[in-house]
Amino acid sequence: MANNTWRDLPIGGIVLDPGNSVKYETGGWRANRPIIDMDACSHCMMCWLYCPDVAIQVKEAKLQGVDLVHCKGCGICAQVCPVKCIKMVEEMSLREAV
């Protein structure tokens, strides 16, 4: 589907192959990136619970990071974090710093 145009999409946005969201690398849509202060994180998993992209990476009930390939930068994780350890930073400022 990568070379298709909008005219090739099924009418009504029908999902013909359920369970295929992992194939769509939506991280390129991001304008803001979540940056996590891991020292301040309480591992409450509120960010994981509310993330619409399932981009919060967890191992053994502890936050590990963010899957930037699929994170669209919506900022919900930063909004629901009770300890405010997640900050949204402009993507372009991070790219320019490198």
PDB file of N, CA and C in Angstrom:
ATOM      1  N   MET A   1       0.809  -1.192   0.000  1.00  0.00           N
ATOM      2  CA  MET A   1       0.000   0.000   0.000  1.00  0.00           C
ATOM      3  C   MET A   1       0.855   1.261   0.000  1.00  0.00           C
ATOM      4  N   ALA A   2       2.145   1.136   0.167  1.00  0.00           N
ATOM      5  CA  ALA A   2       3.017   2.308   0.267  1.00  0.00           C
ATOM      6  C   ALA A   2       3.002   3.169  -0.993  1.00  0.00           C
ATOM      7  N   ASN A   3       2.831   2.588  -2.161  1.00  0.00           N
ATOM      8  CA  ASN A   3       2.851   3.352  -3.404  1.00  0.00           C
ATOM      9  C   ASN A   3       1.457   3.737  -3.890  1.00  0.00           C
ATOM     10  N   ASN A   4       0.432   3.398  -3.137  1.00  0.00           N
ATOM     11  CA  ASN A   4      -0.929   3.722  -3.533  1.00  0.00           C
ATOM     12  C   ASN A   4      -1.243   5.178  -3.262  1.00  0.00           C
ATOM     13  N   THR A   5      -2.216   5.687  -3.954  1.00  0.00           N
ATOM     14  CA  THR A   5      -2.712   7.033  -3.696  1.00  0.00           C
ATOM     15  C   THR A   5      -4.025   6.921  -2.942  1.00  0.00           C
ATOM     16  N   TRP A   6      -4.594   8.045  -2.571  1.00  0.00           N
ATOM     17  CA  TRP A   6      -5.871   8.040  -1.854  1.00  0.00           C
ATOM     18  C   TRP A   6      -6.971   7.414  -2.696  1.00  0.00           C
ATOM     19  N   ARG A   7      -6.815   7.451  -3.996  1.00  0.00           N
ATOM     20  CA  ARG A   7      -7.846   6.866  -4.874  1.00  0.00           C
ATOM     21  C   ARG A   7      -7.871   5.346  -4.803  1.00  0.00           C
ATOM     22  N   ASP A   8      -6.782   4.753  -4.329  1.00  0.00           N
ATOM     23  CA  ASP A   8      -6.708   3.304  -4.225  1.00  0.00           C
ATOM     24  C   ASP A   8      -7.271   2.765  -2.914  1.00  0.00           C
ATOM     25  N   LEU A   9      -7.605   3.655  -1.999  1.00  0.00           N
ATOM     26  CA  LEU A   9      -8.155   3.226  -0.711  1.00  0.00           C
ATOM     27  C   LEU A   9      -9.589   2.739  -0.882  1.00  0.00           C
ATOM     28  N   PRO A  10      -9.979   1.729  -0.104  1.00  0.00           N
ATOM     29  CA  PRO A  10     -11.367   1.275  -0.179  1.00  0.00           C
ATOM     30  C   PRO A  10     -12.323   2.362   0.304  1.00  0.00           C
ATOM     31  N   ILE A  11     -13.481   2.451  -0.291  1.00  0.00           N
ATOM     32  CA  ILE A  11     -14.483   3.441   0.087  1.00  0.00           C
ATOM     33  C   ILE A  11     -14.882   3.217   1.545  1.00  0.00           C
ATOM     34  N   GLY A  12     -14.929   4.309   2.301  1.00  0.00           N
ATOM     35  CA  GLY A  12     -15.329   4.223   3.703  1.00  0.00           C
ATOM     36  C   GLY A  12     -14.197   3.851   4.638  1.00  0.00           C
ATOM     37  N   GLY A  13     -12.981   3.723   4.141  1.00  0.00           N
ATOM     38  CA  GLY A  13     -11.838   3.400   4.993  1.00  0.00           C
ATOM     39  C   GLY A  13     -11.925   2.028   5.619  1.00  0.00           C
ATOM     40  N   ILE A  14     -12.458   1.077   4.907  1.00  0.00           N
ATOM     41  CA  ILE A  14     -12.616  -0.279   5.423  1.00  0.00           C
ATOM     42  C   ILE A  14     -11.244  -0.914   5.662  1.00  0.00           C
ATOM     43  N   VAL A  15     -11.089  -1.561   6.802  1.00  0.00           N
ATOM     44  CA  VAL A  15      -9.856  -2.287   7.103  1.00  0.00           C
ATOM     45  C   VAL A  15     -10.018  -3.707   6.568  1.00  0.00           C
ATOM     46  N   LEU A  16      -9.284  -4.004   5.508  1.00  0.00           N
ATOM     47  CA  LEU A  16      -9.411  -5.312   4.871  1.00  0.00           C
ATOM     48  C   LEU A  16      -8.579  -6.393   5.550  1.00  0.00           C
ATOM     49  N   ASP A  17      -7.517  -5.996   6.226  1.00  0.00           N
ATOM     50  CA  ASP A  17      -6.641  -6.940   6.914  1.00  0.00           C
ATOM     51  C   ASP A  17      -6.573  -6.585   8.390  1.00  0.00           C
ATOM     52  N   PRO A  18      -7.481  -7.091   9.219  1.00  0.00           N
ATOM     53  CA  PRO A  18      -7.451  -6.729  10.631  1.00  0.00           C
ATOM     54  C   PRO A  18      -6.138  -7.150  11.296  1.00  0.00           C
ATOM     55  N   GLY A  19      -5.715  -6.358  12.278  1.00  0.00           N
ATOM     56  CA  GLY A  19      -4.492  -6.661  13.013  1.00  0.00           C
ATOM     57  C   GLY A  19      -3.231  -6.242  12.284  1.00  0.00           C
ATOM     58  N   ASN A  20      -3.343  -5.321  11.337  1.00  0.00           N
ATOM     59  CA  ASN A  20      -2.182  -4.951  10.535  1.00  0.00           C
ATOM     60  C   ASN A  20      -1.553  -3.618  10.941  1.00  0.00           C
ATOM     61  N   SER A  21      -1.966  -3.038  12.038  1.00  0.00           N
ATOM     62  CA  SER A  21      -1.485  -1.698  12.401  1.00  0.00           C
ATOM     63  C   SER A  21       0.019  -1.652  12.638  1.00  0.00           C
ATOM     64  N   VAL A  22       0.628  -2.753  13.020  1.00  0.00           N
ATOM     65  CA  VAL A  22       2.073  -2.763  13.268  1.00  0.00           C
ATOM     66  C   VAL A  22       2.847  -2.483  11.979  1.00  0.00           C
ATOM     67  N   LYS A  23       2.239  -2.744  10.825  1.00  0.00           N
ATOM     68  CA  LYS A  23       2.891  -2.499   9.537  1.00  0.00           C
ATOM     69  C   LYS A  23       2.987  -1.014   9.206  1.00  0.00           C
ATOM     70  N   TYR A  24       2.123  -0.201   9.804  1.00  0.00           N
ATOM     71  CA  TYR A  24       2.064   1.214   9.471  1.00  0.00           C
ATOM     72  C   TYR A  24       2.932   2.031  10.424  1.00  0.00           C
ATOM     73  N   GLU A  25       4.030   2.522   9.911  1.00  0.00           N
ATOM     74  CA  GLU A  25       4.976   3.284  10.721  1.00  0.00           C
ATOM     75  C   GLU A  25       4.507   4.746  10.766  1.00  0.00           C
ATOM     76  N   THR A  26       3.708   5.054  11.764  1.00  0.00           N
ATOM     77  CA  THR A  26       3.062   6.363  11.871  1.00  0.00           C
ATOM     78  C   THR A  26       3.899   7.393  12.627  1.00  0.00           C
ATOM     79  N   GLY A  27       5.068   7.017  13.089  1.00  0.00           N
ATOM     80  CA  GLY A  27       5.923   7.946  13.827  1.00  0.00           C
ATOM     81  C   GLY A  27       6.358   9.155  13.017  1.00  0.00           C
ATOM     82  N   GLY A  28       6.355   9.023  11.703  1.00  0.00           N
ATOM     83  CA  GLY A  28       6.745  10.134  10.841  1.00  0.00           C
ATOM     84  C   GLY A  28       5.741  11.273  10.845  1.00  0.00           C
ATOM     85  N   TRP A  29       4.559  11.050  11.400  1.00  0.00           N
ATOM     86  CA  TRP A  29       3.533  12.088  11.482  1.00  0.00           C
ATOM     87  C   TRP A  29       3.805  13.038  12.644  1.00  0.00           C
ATOM     88  N   ARG A  30       4.695  12.640  13.537  1.00  0.00           N
ATOM     89  CA  ARG A  30       4.885  13.310  14.817  1.00  0.00           C
ATOM     90  C   ARG A  30       5.496  14.693  14.680  1.00  0.00           C
ATOM     91  N   ALA A  31       4.927  15.671  15.379  1.00  0.00           N
ATOM     92  CA  ALA A  31       5.504  17.012  15.478  1.00  0.00           C
ATOM     93  C   ALA A  31       6.175  17.203  16.842  1.00  0.00           C
ATOM     94  N   ASN A  32       5.703  16.442  17.843  1.00  0.00           N
ATOM     95  CA  ASN A  32       6.258  16.512  19.201  1.00  0.00           C
ATOM     96  C   ASN A  32       6.588  15.105  19.671  1.00  0.00           C
ATOM     97  N   ARG A  33       7.691  14.992  20.389  1.00  0.00           N
ATOM     98  CA  ARG A  33       8.154  13.684  20.859  1.00  0.00           C
ATOM     99  C   ARG A  33       8.108  13.633  22.380  1.00  0.00           C
ATOM    100  N   PRO A  34       7.620  12.512  22.938  1.00  0.00           N
ATOM    101  CA  PRO A  34       7.640  12.373  24.393  1.00  0.00           C
ATOM    102  C   PRO A  34       9.057  12.049  24.883  1.00  0.00           C
ATOM    103  N   ILE A  35       9.513  12.817  25.859  1.00  0.00           N
ATOM    104  CA  ILE A  35      10.806  12.569  26.506  1.00  0.00           C
ATOM    105  C   ILE A  35      10.490  12.225  27.962  1.00  0.00           C
ATOM    106  N   ILE A  36      10.987  11.082  28.405  1.00  0.00           N
ATOM    107  CA  ILE A  36      10.654  10.583  29.740  1.00  0.00           C
ATOM    108  C   ILE A  36      11.846  10.716  30.680  1.00  0.00           C
ATOM    109  N   ASP A  37      11.609  11.309  31.844  1.00  0.00           N
ATOM    110  CA  ASP A  37      12.603  11.359  32.913  1.00  0.00           C
ATOM    111  C   ASP A  37      12.434  10.060  33.704  1.00  0.00           C
ATOM    112  N   MET A  38      13.219   9.064  33.372  1.00  0.00           N
ATOM    113  CA  MET A  38      13.065   7.737  33.967  1.00  0.00           C
ATOM    114  C   MET A  38      13.333   7.742  35.477  1.00  0.00           C
ATOM    115  N   ASP A  39      14.137   8.679  35.967  1.00  0.00           N
ATOM    116  CA  ASP A  39      14.398   8.761  37.405  1.00  0.00           C
ATOM    117  C   ASP A  39      13.160   9.224  38.167  1.00  0.00           C
ATOM    118  N   ALA A  40      12.316  10.009  37.528  1.00  0.00           N
ATOM    119  CA  ALA A  40      11.103  10.517  38.180  1.00  0.00           C
ATOM    120  C   ALA A  40       9.903   9.600  37.978  1.00  0.00           C
ATOM    121  N   CYS A  41       9.983   8.677  37.024  1.00  0.00           N
ATOM    122  CA  CYS A  41       8.852   7.800  36.686  1.00  0.00           C
ATOM    123  C   CYS A  41       8.506   6.871  37.852  1.00  0.00           C
ATOM    124  N   SER A  42       7.219   6.804  38.166  1.00  0.00           N
ATOM    125  CA  SER A  42       6.748   5.923  39.246  1.00  0.00           C
ATOM    126  C   SER A  42       6.260   4.581  38.708  1.00  0.00           C
ATOM    127  N   HIS A  43       6.308   4.384  37.396  1.00  0.00           N
ATOM    128  CA  HIS A  43       5.872   3.152  36.729  1.00  0.00           C
ATOM    129  C   HIS A  43       4.412   2.827  37.036  1.00  0.00           C
ATOM    130  N   CYS A  44       3.587   3.862  37.076  1.00  0.00           N
ATOM    131  CA  CYS A  44       2.164   3.680  37.351  1.00  0.00           C
ATOM    132  C   CYS A  44       1.419   3.113  36.144  1.00  0.00           C
ATOM    133  N   MET A  45       2.005   3.217  34.967  1.00  0.00           N
ATOM    134  CA  MET A  45       1.470   2.698  33.708  1.00  0.00           C
ATOM    135  C   MET A  45       0.259   3.461  33.176  1.00  0.00           C
ATOM    136  N   MET A  46       0.015   4.660  33.681  1.00  0.00           N
ATOM    137  CA  MET A  46      -1.085   5.461  33.143  1.00  0.00           C
ATOM    138  C   MET A  46      -0.811   5.803  31.679  1.00  0.00           C
ATOM    139  N   CYS A  47       0.440   6.089  31.341  1.00  0.00           N
ATOM    140  CA  CYS A  47       0.795   6.402  29.951  1.00  0.00           C
ATOM    141  C   CYS A  47       0.502   5.210  29.046  1.00  0.00           C
ATOM    142  N   TRP A  48       0.851   4.030  29.491  1.00  0.00           N
ATOM    143  CA  TRP A  48       0.598   2.806  28.734  1.00  0.00           C
ATOM    144  C   TRP A  48      -0.902   2.579  28.551  1.00  0.00           C
ATOM    145  N   LEU A  49      -1.654   2.808  29.609  1.00  0.00           N
ATOM    146  CA  LEU A  49      -3.100   2.587  29.580  1.00  0.00           C
ATOM    147  C   LEU A  49      -3.801   3.486  28.573  1.00  0.00           C
ATOM    148  N   TYR A  50      -3.374   4.734  28.483  1.00  0.00           N
ATOM    149  CA  TYR A  50      -4.064   5.709  27.636  1.00  0.00           C
ATOM    150  C   TYR A  50      -3.469   5.885  26.239  1.00  0.00           C
ATOM    151  N   CYS A  51      -2.310   5.349  25.967  1.00  0.00           N
ATOM    152  CA  CYS A  51      -1.660   5.548  24.668  1.00  0.00           C
ATOM    153  C   CYS A  51      -2.495   4.915  23.547  1.00  0.00           C
ATOM    154  N   PRO A  52      -3.004   5.740  22.604  1.00  0.00           N
ATOM    155  CA  PRO A  52      -3.825   5.195  21.524  1.00  0.00           C
ATOM    156  C   PRO A  52      -3.017   4.441  20.479  1.00  0.00           C
ATOM    157  N   ASP A  53      -1.695   4.570  20.503  1.00  0.00           N
ATOM    158  CA  ASP A  53      -0.844   3.926  19.509  1.00  0.00           C
ATOM    159  C   ASP A  53      -0.141   2.681  20.034  1.00  0.00           C
ATOM    160  N   VAL A  54      -0.372   2.317  21.276  1.00  0.00           N
ATOM    161  CA  VAL A  54       0.311   1.199  21.940  1.00  0.00           C
ATOM    162  C   VAL A  54       1.830   1.372  21.753  1.00  0.00           C
ATOM    163  N   ALA A  55       2.297   2.597  21.931  1.00  0.00           N
ATOM    164  CA  ALA A  55       3.703   2.919  21.703  1.00  0.00           C
ATOM    165  C   ALA A  55       4.528   2.946  22.986  1.00  0.00           C
ATOM    166  N   ILE A  56       3.896   2.772  24.125  1.00  0.00           N
ATOM    167  CA  ILE A  56       4.636   2.763  25.388  1.00  0.00           C
ATOM    168  C   ILE A  56       5.215   1.369  25.593  1.00  0.00           C
ATOM    169  N   GLN A  57       6.519   1.294  25.740  1.00  0.00           N
ATOM    170  CA  GLN A  57       7.203   0.011  25.888  1.00  0.00           C
ATOM    171  C   GLN A  57       7.359  -0.327  27.365  1.00  0.00           C
ATOM    172  N   VAL A  58       6.937  -1.540  27.706  1.00  0.00           N
ATOM    173  CA  VAL A  58       6.939  -1.997  29.096  1.00  0.00           C
ATOM    174  C   VAL A  58       7.606  -3.369  29.165  1.00  0.00           C
ATOM    175  N   LYS A  59       8.371  -3.571  30.229  1.00  0.00           N
ATOM    176  CA  LYS A  59       8.961  -4.880  30.483  1.00  0.00           C
ATOM    177  C   LYS A  59       8.895  -5.139  31.977  1.00  0.00           C
ATOM    178  N   GLU A  60       8.343  -6.269  32.345  1.00  0.00           N
ATOM    179  CA  GLU A  60       8.206  -6.666  33.750  1.00  0.00           C
ATOM    180  C   GLU A  60       7.535  -5.568  34.567  1.00  0.00           C
ATOM    181  N   ALA A  61       6.440  -5.031  34.042  1.00  0.00           N
ATOM    182  CA  ALA A  61       5.607  -4.012  34.700  1.00  0.00           C
ATOM    183  C   ALA A  61       6.358  -2.701  34.963  1.00  0.00           C
ATOM    184  N   LYS A  62       7.381  -2.427  34.168  1.00  0.00           N
ATOM    185  CA  LYS A  62       8.122  -1.169  34.299  1.00  0.00           C
ATOM    186  C   LYS A  62       8.240  -0.510  32.930  1.00  0.00           C
ATOM    187  N   LEU A  63       8.045   0.786  32.907  1.00  0.00           N
ATOM    188  CA  LEU A  63       8.169   1.557  31.688  1.00  0.00           C
ATOM    189  C   LEU A  63       9.609   1.499  31.181  1.00  0.00           C
ATOM    190  N   GLN A  64       9.765   1.187  29.898  1.00  0.00           N
ATOM    191  CA  GLN A  64      11.087   1.090  29.297  1.00  0.00           C
ATOM    192  C   GLN A  64      11.376   2.241  28.335  1.00  0.00           C
ATOM    193  N   GLY A  65      10.335   2.777  27.716  1.00  0.00           N
ATOM    194  CA  GLY A  65      10.536   3.848  26.753  1.00  0.00           C
ATOM    195  C   GLY A  65       9.337   3.971  25.829  1.00  0.00           C
ATOM    196  N   VAL A  66       9.576   4.579  24.677  1.00  0.00           N
ATOM    197  CA  VAL A  66       8.516   4.822  23.712  1.00  0.00           C
ATOM    198  C   VAL A  66       8.942   4.280  22.351  1.00  0.00           C
ATOM    199  N   ASP A  67       8.048   3.569  21.702  1.00  0.00           N
ATOM    200  CA  ASP A  67       8.265   3.075  20.350  1.00  0.00           C
ATOM    201  C   ASP A  67       8.062   4.249  19.394  1.00  0.00           C
ATOM    202  N   LEU A  68       9.145   4.893  18.995  1.00  0.00           N
ATOM    203  CA  LEU A  68       9.056   6.095  18.169  1.00  0.00           C
ATOM    204  C   LEU A  68       8.664   5.800  16.728  1.00  0.00           C
ATOM    205  N   VAL A  69       8.696   4.550  16.332  1.00  0.00           N
ATOM    206  CA  VAL A  69       8.247   4.176  14.991  1.00  0.00           C
ATOM    207  C   VAL A  69       6.732   4.310  14.878  1.00  0.00           C
ATOM    208  N   HIS A  70       6.030   4.086  15.996  1.00  0.00           N
ATOM    209  CA  HIS A  70       4.566   4.126  15.981  1.00  0.00           C
ATOM    210  C   HIS A  70       3.963   5.294  16.768  1.00  0.00           C
ATOM    211  N   CYS A  71       4.736   5.970  17.595  1.00  0.00           N
ATOM    212  CA  CYS A  71       4.232   7.110  18.373  1.00  0.00           C
ATOM    213  C   CYS A  71       3.952   8.286  17.454  1.00  0.00           C
ATOM    214  N   LYS A  72       2.713   8.784  17.486  1.00  0.00           N
ATOM    215  CA  LYS A  72       2.334   9.924  16.648  1.00  0.00           C
ATOM    216  C   LYS A  72       2.513  11.260  17.375  1.00  0.00           C
ATOM    217  N   GLY A  73       2.940  11.230  18.631  1.00  0.00           N
ATOM    218  CA  GLY A  73       3.214  12.470  19.358  1.00  0.00           C
ATOM    219  C   GLY A  73       1.975  13.209  19.830  1.00  0.00           C
ATOM    220  N   CYS A  74       0.918  12.493  20.145  1.00  0.00           N
ATOM    221  CA  CYS A  74      -0.342  13.135  20.544  1.00  0.00           C
ATOM    222  C   CYS A  74      -0.241  13.828  21.902  1.00  0.00           C
ATOM    223  N   GLY A  75       0.658  13.357  22.768  1.00  0.00           N
ATOM    224  CA  GLY A  75       0.850  13.982  24.069  1.00  0.00           C
ATOM    225  C   GLY A  75      -0.080  13.499  25.165  1.00  0.00           C
ATOM    226  N   ILE A  76      -0.900  12.510  24.879  1.00  0.00           N
ATOM    227  CA  ILE A  76      -1.803  11.980  25.907  1.00  0.00           C
ATOM    228  C   ILE A  76      -0.990  11.424  27.070  1.00  0.00           C
ATOM    229  N   CYS A  77       0.110  10.770  26.786  1.00  0.00           N
ATOM    230  CA  CYS A  77       0.944  10.198  27.853  1.00  0.00           C
ATOM    231  C   CYS A  77       1.405  11.278  28.827  1.00  0.00           C
ATOM    232  N   ALA A  78       1.817  12.418  28.300  1.00  0.00           N
ATOM    233  CA  ALA A  78       2.272  13.520  29.148  1.00  0.00           C
ATOM    234  C   ALA A  78       1.121  14.108  29.953  1.00  0.00           C
ATOM    235  N   GLN A  79      -0.056  14.141  29.361  1.00  0.00           N
ATOM    236  CA  GLN A  79      -1.221  14.702  30.050  1.00  0.00           C
ATOM    237  C   GLN A  79      -1.682  13.833  31.211  1.00  0.00           C
ATOM    238  N   VAL A  80      -1.620  12.510  31.049  1.00  0.00           N
ATOM    239  CA  VAL A  80      -2.145  11.620  32.097  1.00  0.00           C
ATOM    240  C   VAL A  80      -1.106  11.231  33.139  1.00  0.00           C
ATOM    241  N   CYS A  81       0.154  11.570  32.918  1.00  0.00           N
ATOM    242  CA  CYS A  81       1.206  11.197  33.863  1.00  0.00           C
ATOM    243  C   CYS A  81       1.021  11.946  35.186  1.00  0.00           C
ATOM    244  N   PRO A  82       0.782  11.222  36.286  1.00  0.00           N
ATOM    245  CA  PRO A  82       0.530  11.899  37.562  1.00  0.00           C
ATOM    246  C   PRO A  82       1.771  12.581  38.150  1.00  0.00           C
ATOM    247  N   VAL A  83       2.968  12.116  37.798  1.00  0.00           N
ATOM    248  CA  VAL A  83       4.185  12.735  38.337  1.00  0.00           C
ATOM    249  C   VAL A  83       4.834  13.685  37.333  1.00  0.00           C
ATOM    250  N   LYS A  84       4.203  13.837  36.168  1.00  0.00           N
ATOM    251  CA  LYS A  84       4.660  14.767  35.118  1.00  0.00           C
ATOM    252  C   LYS A  84       6.116  14.520  34.708  1.00  0.00           C
ATOM    253  N   CYS A  85       6.484  13.237  34.568  1.00  0.00           N
ATOM    254  CA  CYS A  85       7.844  12.905  34.150  1.00  0.00           C
ATOM    255  C   CYS A  85       7.968  12.829  32.632  1.00  0.00           C
ATOM    256  N   ILE A  86       6.863  12.994  31.905  1.00  0.00           N
ATOM    257  CA  ILE A  86       6.891  12.967  30.444  1.00  0.00           C
ATOM    258  C   ILE A  86       6.672  14.382  29.925  1.00  0.00           C
ATOM    259  N   LYS A  87       7.609  14.836  29.135  1.00  0.00           N
ATOM    260  CA  LYS A  87       7.517  16.160  28.524  1.00  0.00           C
ATOM    261  C   LYS A  87       7.457  15.989  27.014  1.00  0.00           C
ATOM    262  N   MET A  88       6.650  16.808  26.368  1.00  0.00           N
ATOM    263  CA  MET A  88       6.567  16.793  24.910  1.00  0.00           C
ATOM    264  C   MET A  88       7.520  17.856  24.378  1.00  0.00           C
ATOM    265  N   VAL A  89       8.442  17.432  23.529  1.00  0.00           N
ATOM    266  CA  VAL A  89       9.461  18.317  22.973  1.00  0.00           C
ATOM    267  C   VAL A  89       9.285  18.351  21.456  1.00  0.00           C
ATOM    268  N   GLU A  90       9.423  19.532  20.889  1.00  0.00           N
ATOM    269  CA  GLU A  90       9.256  19.696  19.439  1.00  0.00           C
ATOM    270  C   GLU A  90      10.277  18.825  18.708  1.00  0.00           C
ATOM    271  N   GLU A  91       9.776  18.017  17.802  1.00  0.00           N
ATOM    272  CA  GLU A  91      10.611  17.062  17.058  1.00  0.00           C
ATOM    273  C   GLU A  91      11.749  17.759  16.304  1.00  0.00           C
ATOM    274  N   MET A  92      11.459  18.862  15.652  1.00  0.00           N
ATOM    275  CA  MET A  92      12.475  19.554  14.865  1.00  0.00           C
ATOM    276  C   MET A  92      13.624  20.063  15.738  1.00  0.00           C
ATOM    277  N   SER A  93      13.328  20.479  16.964  1.00  0.00           N
ATOM    278  CA  SER A  93      14.395  20.963  17.832  1.00  0.00           C
ATOM    279  C   SER A  93      15.336  19.810  18.220  1.00  0.00           C
ATOM    280  N   LEU A  94      14.810  18.605  18.324  1.00  0.00           N
ATOM    281  CA  LEU A  94      15.643  17.445  18.634  1.00  0.00           C
ATOM    282  C   LEU A  94      16.509  17.068  17.433  1.00  0.00           C
ATOM    283  N   ARG A  95      15.950  17.169  16.240  1.00  0.00           N
ATOM    284  CA  ARG A  95      16.707  16.838  15.027  1.00  0.00           C
ATOM    285  C   ARG A  95      17.815  17.847  14.775  1.00  0.00           C
ATOM    286  N   GLU A  96      17.551  19.111  15.066  1.00  0.00           N
ATOM    287  CA  GLU A  96      18.548  20.161  14.865  1.00  0.00           C
ATOM    288  C   GLU A  96      19.695  20.047  15.869  1.00  0.00           C
ATOM    289  N   ALA A  97      19.415  19.492  17.051  1.00  0.00           N
ATOM    290  CA  ALA A  97      20.420  19.366  18.099  1.00  0.00           C
ATOM    291  C   ALA A  97      21.443  18.277  17.762  1.00  0.00           C
ATOM    292  N   VAL A  98      21.083  17.367  16.880  1.00  0.00           N
ATOM    293  CA  VAL A  98      21.971  16.229  16.548  1.00  0.00           C
ATOM    294  C   VAL A  98      23.045  16.622  15.597  1.00  0.00           C
TER     295      VAL A  98
END
